[in-house]
C-alpha atoms as a PDB file:
ATOM      1  CA  MET A   1       0.195  -0.018   0.061  1.00  0.00           C
ATOM      2  CA  THR A   2       1.405   3.280  -0.985  1.00  0.00           C
ATOM      3  CA  PHE A   3       1.917   6.459   1.212  1.00  0.00           C
ATOM      4  CA  ILE A   4      -0.997   8.135  -0.473  1.00  0.00           C
ATOM      5  CA  ALA A   5      -3.398   5.382   0.204  1.00  0.00           C
ATOM      6  CA  ARG A   6      -2.522   5.000   3.606  1.00  0.00           C
ATOM      7  CA  HIS A   7      -2.422   8.638   4.736  1.00  0.00           C
ATOM      8  CA  GLY A   8      -4.354  10.530   1.836  1.00  0.00           C
ATOM      9  CA  LEU A   9      -7.729  10.170   3.275  1.00  0.00           C
ATOM     10  CA  ALA A  10      -6.580  11.508   6.675  1.00  0.00           C
ATOM     11  CA  LEU A  11      -4.878  14.315   4.959  1.00  0.00           C
ATOM     12  CA  VAL A  12      -7.957  15.260   2.848  1.00  0.00           C
ATOM     13  CA  ALA A  13     -10.330  15.081   5.818  1.00  0.00           C
ATOM     14  CA  ALA A  14      -8.186  17.384   7.869  1.00  0.00           C
ATOM     15  CA  MET A  15      -7.811  19.852   5.002  1.00  0.00           C
ATOM     16  CA  ALA A  16     -11.798  19.709   4.614  1.00  0.00           C
ATOM     17  CA  ALA A  17     -12.204  20.340   8.357  1.00  0.00           C
ATOM     18  CA  LEU A  18      -9.680  23.145   8.163  1.00  0.00           C
ATOM     19  CA  VAL A  19     -11.179  24.865   5.103  1.00  0.00           C
ATOM     20  CA  GLY A  20     -14.871  24.365   6.493  1.00  0.00           C
ATOM     21  CA  ARG A  21     -13.843  26.132   9.775  1.00  0.00           C
ATOM     22  CA  SER A  22     -12.289  28.928   7.802  1.00  0.00           C
ATOM     23  CA  LEU A  23     -15.573  29.319   5.613  1.00  0.00           C
ATOM     24  CA  ALA A  24     -17.686  29.311   8.807  1.00  0.00           C
ATOM     25  CA  ALA A  25     -15.643  32.189  10.067  1.00  0.00           C
ATOM     26  CA  VAL A  26     -16.192  34.367   7.067  1.00  0.00           C
ATOM     27  CA  PRO A  27     -18.853  37.041   7.356  1.00  0.00           C
ATOM     28  CA  ARG A  28     -21.477  36.795   4.598  1.00  0.00           C
ATOM     29  CA  THR A  29     -22.283  40.122   3.282  1.00  0.00           C
ATOM     30  CA  ARG A  30     -24.621  40.860   0.368  1.00  0.00           C
ATOM     31  CA  ARG A  31     -22.819  42.615  -2.643  1.00  0.00           C
ATOM     32  CA  HIS A  32     -24.731  44.743  -4.859  1.00  0.00           C
ATOM     33  CA  SER A  33     -23.988  44.293  -8.486  1.00  0.00           C
ATOM     34  CA  THR A  34     -23.958  47.313 -10.952  1.00  0.00           C
ATOM     35  CA  TYR A  35     -25.953  45.181 -13.383  1.00  0.00           C
ATOM     36  CA  GLY A  36     -28.920  44.681 -10.882  1.00  0.00           C
ATOM     37  CA  ASP A  37     -29.779  42.029  -8.297  1.00  0.00           C
ATOM     38  CA  HIS A  38     -28.729  38.527  -9.435  1.00  0.00           C
ATOM     39  CA  SER A  39     -30.407  36.170  -7.152  1.00  0.00           C
ATOM     40  CA  GLU A  40     -29.182  33.025  -8.620  1.00  0.00           C
ATOM     41  CA  ARG A  41     -25.450  33.784  -8.965  1.00  0.00           C
ATOM     42  CA  GLY A  42     -24.512  31.306  -6.288  1.00  0.00           C
ATOM     43  CA  ASP A  43     -22.111  31.433  -3.351  1.00  0.00           C
ATOM     44  CA  VAL A  44     -18.448  30.513  -3.558  1.00  0.00           C
ATOM     45  CA  PRO A  45     -18.180  28.889  -0.050  1.00  0.00           C
ATOM     46  CA  GLY A  46     -20.760  26.529  -1.207  1.00  0.00           C
ATOM     47  CA  TRP A  47     -19.023  25.469  -4.317  1.00  0.00           C
ATOM     48  CA  VAL A  48     -15.746  25.195  -2.164  1.00  0.00           C
ATOM     49  CA  MET A  49     -17.565  22.679   0.049  1.00  0.00           C
ATOM     50  CA  ILE A  50     -18.820  20.610  -2.776  1.00  0.00           C
ATOM     51  CA  THR A  51     -15.381  20.427  -4.423  1.00  0.00           C
ATOM     52  CA  LEU A  52     -13.889  19.305  -0.989  1.00  0.00           C
ATOM     53  CA  MET A  53     -16.488  16.741  -0.285  1.00  0.00           C
ATOM     54  CA  SER A  54     -16.096  15.255  -3.738  1.00  0.00           C
ATOM     55  CA  ALA A  55     -12.121  15.173  -3.217  1.00  0.00           C
ATOM     56  CA  VAL A  56     -12.899  13.376   0.151  1.00  0.00           C
ATOM     57  CA  LEU A  57     -15.133  10.766  -1.772  1.00  0.00           C
ATOM     58  CA  VAL A  58     -12.436  10.306  -4.282  1.00  0.00           C
ATOM     59  CA  ALA A  59      -9.717   9.684  -1.660  1.00  0.00           C
ATOM     60  CA  ALA A  60     -12.042   7.468   0.132  1.00  0.00           C
ATOM     61  CA  LEU A  61     -12.677   5.252  -2.669  1.00  0.00           C
ATOM     62  CA  LEU A  62      -9.044   5.114  -3.717  1.00  0.00           C
ATOM     63  CA  ALA A  63      -8.077   4.094  -0.102  1.00  0.00           C
ATOM     64  CA  LEU A  64     -10.678   1.377  -0.134  1.00  0.00           C
ATOM     65  CA  ALA A  65     -10.227   0.055  -3.842  1.00  0.00           C
ATOM     66  CA  GLY A  66      -6.696   1.051  -4.233  1.00  0.00           C
ATOM     67  CA  PRO A  67      -5.193  -2.378  -3.667  1.00  0.00           C
ATOM     68  CA  ALA A  68      -7.746  -4.308  -5.696  1.00  0.00           C
ATOM     69  CA  LEU A  69      -7.411  -1.713  -8.633  1.00  0.00           C
ATOM     70  CA  GLU A  70      -3.507  -2.136  -8.409  1.00  0.00           C
ATOM     71  CA  ALA A  71      -3.814  -5.867  -8.564  1.00  0.00           C
ATOM     72  CA  MET A  72      -6.272  -5.772 -11.548  1.00  0.00           C
ATOM     73  CA  PHE A  73      -3.820  -3.379 -13.439  1.00  0.00           C
ATOM     74  CA  ASN A  74      -0.885  -5.726 -12.752  1.00  0.00           C
ATOM     75  CA  GLN A  75      -2.766  -8.714 -13.915  1.00  0.00           C
ATOM     76  CA  ALA A  76      -3.636  -6.847 -17.247  1.00  0.00           C
ATOM     77  CA  MET A  77      -0.198  -5.783 -17.828  1.00  0.00           C
ATOM     78  CA  ASP A  78       1.201  -9.308 -17.337  1.00  0.00           C
ATOM     79  CA  THR A  79      -1.682 -10.674 -19.737  1.00  0.00           C
ATOM     80  CA  VAL A  80      -0.559  -8.188 -22.359  1.00  0.00           C
ATOM     81  CA  GLY A  81       3.088  -8.766 -21.810  1.00  0.00           C
ATOM     82  CA  LYS A  82       2.621 -12.443 -22.692  1.00  0.00           C
END
């Protein structure tokens, strides 16, 4: 098992917790646009959390399925090499 597979999930979870705390501390102010009120423009902290949650999900899947995927890849390479 590689270093990333062993420690990647813990690292991503720690980063997500750190960014989540920093985003919670950011005051939310309403900015007015010169082009009028755009009620559906979205919020950056929400997109950041979606991105982090996706990264945590990918890291979790890699940590769980990494050895099986590595074995399957090695078996395929051995079959092609023959």
